[in-house]
N, C-alpha and C. Protein backbone atom coordinates (compact mmCIF):
# COMPACT_ATOMS: atom_id res chain seq x y z
N MET A 1 7.03 -26.13 -4.74
CA MET A 1 6.75 -24.75 -4.47
C MET A 1 7.80 -23.87 -5.14
N LYS A 2 7.38 -22.83 -5.80
CA LYS A 2 8.30 -21.95 -6.50
C LYS A 2 8.95 -20.98 -5.53
N GLU A 3 10.22 -20.67 -5.82
CA GLU A 3 10.92 -19.69 -4.99
C GLU A 3 10.50 -18.29 -5.41
N HIS A 4 10.38 -17.44 -4.44
CA HIS A 4 10.04 -16.06 -4.74
C HIS A 4 11.29 -15.21 -4.82
N GLY A 5 11.35 -14.31 -5.79
CA GLY A 5 12.43 -13.35 -5.89
C GLY A 5 12.04 -12.08 -5.18
N LEU A 6 12.71 -11.02 -5.48
CA LEU A 6 12.37 -9.73 -4.90
C LEU A 6 10.99 -9.30 -5.35
N ASP A 7 10.30 -8.54 -4.52
CA ASP A 7 8.98 -8.02 -4.84
C ASP A 7 7.96 -9.12 -5.11
N GLY A 8 8.18 -10.34 -4.62
CA GLY A 8 7.22 -11.41 -4.77
C GLY A 8 7.15 -12.02 -6.16
N ARG A 9 8.07 -11.71 -7.04
CA ARG A 9 8.00 -12.28 -8.39
C ARG A 9 8.69 -13.65 -8.40
N HIS A 10 8.27 -14.50 -9.26
CA HIS A 10 8.81 -15.86 -9.33
C HIS A 10 10.08 -15.90 -10.15
N ARG A 11 11.07 -16.56 -9.63
CA ARG A 11 12.37 -16.63 -10.30
C ARG A 11 12.30 -17.41 -11.60
N ASP A 12 11.39 -18.36 -11.72
CA ASP A 12 11.35 -19.15 -12.94
C ASP A 12 11.00 -18.28 -14.15
N LYS A 13 10.13 -17.31 -13.99
CA LYS A 13 9.78 -16.42 -15.10
C LYS A 13 10.97 -15.54 -15.47
N ASP A 14 11.66 -15.01 -14.47
CA ASP A 14 12.82 -14.17 -14.72
C ASP A 14 13.97 -14.97 -15.34
N SER A 15 14.09 -16.24 -14.99
CA SER A 15 15.18 -17.04 -15.52
C SER A 15 15.02 -17.27 -17.02
N ARG A 16 13.80 -17.32 -17.51
CA ARG A 16 13.59 -17.46 -18.96
C ARG A 16 14.12 -16.25 -19.69
N ILE A 17 13.91 -15.08 -19.12
CA ILE A 17 14.43 -13.85 -19.73
C ILE A 17 15.95 -13.87 -19.67
N SER A 18 16.50 -14.25 -18.54
CA SER A 18 17.95 -14.27 -18.37
C SER A 18 18.62 -15.25 -19.32
N LYS A 19 18.03 -16.43 -19.49
CA LYS A 19 18.63 -17.43 -20.37
C LYS A 19 18.68 -16.95 -21.81
N LYS A 20 17.64 -16.27 -22.24
CA LYS A 20 17.58 -15.85 -23.64
C LYS A 20 18.28 -14.51 -23.89
N HIS A 21 18.23 -13.59 -22.92
CA HIS A 21 18.73 -12.24 -23.13
C HIS A 21 19.73 -11.80 -22.07
N GLY A 22 20.24 -12.73 -21.29
CA GLY A 22 21.11 -12.41 -20.17
C GLY A 22 22.39 -11.69 -20.53
N ASN A 23 22.90 -11.90 -21.73
CA ASN A 23 24.14 -11.23 -22.12
C ASN A 23 23.91 -9.85 -22.73
N THR A 24 22.66 -9.40 -22.79
CA THR A 24 22.35 -8.07 -23.31
C THR A 24 22.84 -7.03 -22.32
N LEU A 25 23.49 -6.01 -22.82
CA LEU A 25 24.03 -4.96 -21.97
C LEU A 25 22.94 -3.99 -21.51
N VAL A 26 23.08 -3.51 -20.29
CA VAL A 26 22.14 -2.52 -19.75
C VAL A 26 22.10 -1.29 -20.66
N GLY A 27 23.23 -0.91 -21.23
CA GLY A 27 23.27 0.24 -22.14
C GLY A 27 22.36 0.05 -23.35
N THR A 28 22.30 -1.15 -23.88
CA THR A 28 21.41 -1.45 -25.01
C THR A 28 19.96 -1.33 -24.56
N LEU A 29 19.65 -1.87 -23.40
CA LEU A 29 18.28 -1.80 -22.90
C LEU A 29 17.86 -0.37 -22.58
N ARG A 30 18.80 0.48 -22.20
CA ARG A 30 18.48 1.89 -21.96
C ARG A 30 18.11 2.61 -23.25
N LYS A 31 18.63 2.16 -24.37
CA LYS A 31 18.23 2.73 -25.66
C LYS A 31 16.76 2.43 -25.93
N ILE A 32 16.27 1.33 -25.40
CA ILE A 32 14.87 0.92 -25.59
C ILE A 32 13.96 1.55 -24.55
N TYR A 33 14.35 1.44 -23.27
CA TYR A 33 13.46 1.80 -22.16
C TYR A 33 13.78 3.13 -21.48
N GLY A 34 14.86 3.76 -21.87
CA GLY A 34 15.22 5.06 -21.30
C GLY A 34 16.34 4.96 -20.28
N ARG A 35 16.91 6.10 -19.95
CA ARG A 35 18.07 6.17 -19.06
C ARG A 35 17.80 5.62 -17.66
N GLY A 36 16.56 5.57 -17.23
CA GLY A 36 16.24 5.10 -15.90
C GLY A 36 16.23 3.59 -15.76
N PHE A 37 16.38 2.86 -16.86
CA PHE A 37 16.36 1.40 -16.79
C PHE A 37 17.59 0.93 -16.02
N ALA A 38 17.39 0.08 -15.03
CA ALA A 38 18.47 -0.48 -14.20
C ALA A 38 19.34 0.65 -13.63
N ALA A 39 18.68 1.64 -13.08
CA ALA A 39 19.38 2.81 -12.53
C ALA A 39 20.43 2.37 -11.53
N GLY A 40 21.57 3.02 -11.60
CA GLY A 40 22.66 2.74 -10.67
C GLY A 40 23.68 1.73 -11.18
N TYR A 41 23.40 1.13 -12.33
CA TYR A 41 24.33 0.16 -12.91
C TYR A 41 24.98 0.75 -14.16
N PRO A 42 26.26 0.41 -14.39
CA PRO A 42 26.93 0.90 -15.60
C PRO A 42 26.30 0.32 -16.87
N ASP A 43 26.45 1.03 -17.97
CA ASP A 43 25.95 0.57 -19.27
C ASP A 43 26.53 -0.77 -19.67
N THR A 44 27.71 -1.09 -19.18
CA THR A 44 28.41 -2.32 -19.59
C THR A 44 28.01 -3.55 -18.77
N THR A 45 27.08 -3.39 -17.83
CA THR A 45 26.61 -4.51 -17.02
C THR A 45 25.65 -5.37 -17.84
N GLN A 46 25.77 -6.68 -17.72
CA GLN A 46 24.86 -7.58 -18.43
C GLN A 46 23.55 -7.70 -17.67
N LEU A 47 22.48 -7.90 -18.41
CA LEU A 47 21.15 -8.06 -17.82
C LEU A 47 21.13 -9.16 -16.77
N SER A 48 21.81 -10.27 -17.02
CA SER A 48 21.80 -11.38 -16.07
C SER A 48 22.35 -10.99 -14.71
N GLU A 49 23.21 -9.97 -14.67
CA GLU A 49 23.80 -9.53 -13.41
C GLU A 49 22.85 -8.67 -12.58
N VAL A 50 21.86 -8.06 -13.22
CA VAL A 50 20.98 -7.12 -12.50
C VAL A 50 19.52 -7.53 -12.49
N LEU A 51 19.17 -8.56 -13.19
CA LEU A 51 17.76 -8.91 -13.38
C LEU A 51 16.99 -9.01 -12.06
N LEU A 52 17.54 -9.69 -11.09
CA LEU A 52 16.81 -9.88 -9.83
C LEU A 52 16.75 -8.61 -8.97
N GLN A 53 17.54 -7.59 -9.33
CA GLN A 53 17.52 -6.35 -8.57
C GLN A 53 16.74 -5.23 -9.26
N LEU A 54 16.18 -5.49 -10.43
CA LEU A 54 15.46 -4.45 -11.16
C LEU A 54 14.25 -3.96 -10.37
N ASN A 55 13.99 -2.67 -10.49
CA ASN A 55 12.77 -2.15 -9.86
C ASN A 55 11.57 -2.59 -10.67
N GLU A 56 10.41 -2.44 -10.11
CA GLU A 56 9.18 -2.96 -10.73
C GLU A 56 8.91 -2.35 -12.10
N THR A 57 9.22 -1.06 -12.28
CA THR A 57 8.98 -0.40 -13.57
C THR A 57 9.84 -1.03 -14.65
N SER A 58 11.14 -1.14 -14.39
CA SER A 58 12.05 -1.72 -15.38
C SER A 58 11.69 -3.16 -15.68
N LEU A 59 11.39 -3.93 -14.65
CA LEU A 59 11.05 -5.33 -14.83
C LEU A 59 9.74 -5.50 -15.60
N SER A 60 8.76 -4.67 -15.32
CA SER A 60 7.47 -4.76 -16.01
C SER A 60 7.62 -4.51 -17.50
N GLN A 61 8.42 -3.51 -17.86
CA GLN A 61 8.64 -3.21 -19.28
C GLN A 61 9.32 -4.38 -19.97
N LEU A 62 10.33 -4.91 -19.32
CA LEU A 62 11.09 -6.03 -19.89
C LEU A 62 10.21 -7.26 -20.05
N ARG A 63 9.45 -7.60 -19.02
CA ARG A 63 8.56 -8.77 -19.08
C ARG A 63 7.50 -8.63 -20.15
N ARG A 64 6.91 -7.45 -20.26
CA ARG A 64 5.87 -7.24 -21.26
C ARG A 64 6.41 -7.54 -22.65
N ASP A 65 7.56 -6.98 -22.98
CA ASP A 65 8.13 -7.20 -24.31
C ASP A 65 8.57 -8.66 -24.50
N HIS A 66 9.09 -9.27 -23.46
CA HIS A 66 9.49 -10.68 -23.56
C HIS A 66 8.26 -11.56 -23.79
N ASP A 67 7.21 -11.32 -23.01
CA ASP A 67 6.00 -12.14 -23.11
C ASP A 67 5.28 -11.99 -24.44
N THR A 68 5.39 -10.82 -25.06
CA THR A 68 4.73 -10.60 -26.35
C THR A 68 5.62 -10.95 -27.53
N GLY A 69 6.88 -11.33 -27.24
CA GLY A 69 7.80 -11.71 -28.31
C GLY A 69 8.48 -10.54 -29.00
N HIS A 70 8.39 -9.35 -28.44
CA HIS A 70 8.97 -8.17 -29.07
C HIS A 70 10.37 -7.82 -28.57
N LEU A 71 10.81 -8.43 -27.50
CA LEU A 71 12.08 -8.03 -26.89
C LEU A 71 13.26 -8.23 -27.84
N GLN A 72 13.37 -9.38 -28.47
CA GLN A 72 14.52 -9.63 -29.35
C GLN A 72 14.57 -8.62 -30.49
N HIS A 73 13.45 -8.32 -31.08
CA HIS A 73 13.41 -7.33 -32.17
C HIS A 73 13.89 -5.97 -31.67
N LYS A 74 13.45 -5.56 -30.50
CA LYS A 74 13.85 -4.28 -29.94
C LYS A 74 15.35 -4.26 -29.63
N ILE A 75 15.86 -5.36 -29.10
CA ILE A 75 17.28 -5.45 -28.81
C ILE A 75 18.10 -5.37 -30.11
N ASP A 76 17.67 -6.11 -31.12
CA ASP A 76 18.37 -6.09 -32.41
C ASP A 76 18.40 -4.68 -32.99
N HIS A 77 17.28 -4.00 -32.93
CA HIS A 77 17.18 -2.64 -33.47
C HIS A 77 18.06 -1.67 -32.68
N ALA A 78 18.07 -1.78 -31.36
CA ALA A 78 18.85 -0.87 -30.51
C ALA A 78 20.36 -1.14 -30.63
N SER A 79 20.73 -2.35 -31.00
CA SER A 79 22.14 -2.71 -31.11
C SER A 79 22.80 -2.20 -32.39
N LYS A 80 22.01 -1.75 -33.33
CA LYS A 80 22.55 -1.28 -34.62
C LYS A 80 23.17 0.08 -34.50
């Protein structure tokens, strides 16, 4: 049986994002998704530190791009 995270989402799906992009800074992700991404956390916080606490809007955007294979490209572009 899979463990459930916050909001009923499965941790195994979130862990794939964390393993691949966990060291990405919240500040970088805000360049992609806007200032409201991971609200309440400093820009210098790593994604792996906040992933399980993300609100549904932030998590949905992140998952969509991860599932379609676009997240890495967006991160690379925002990091320049």
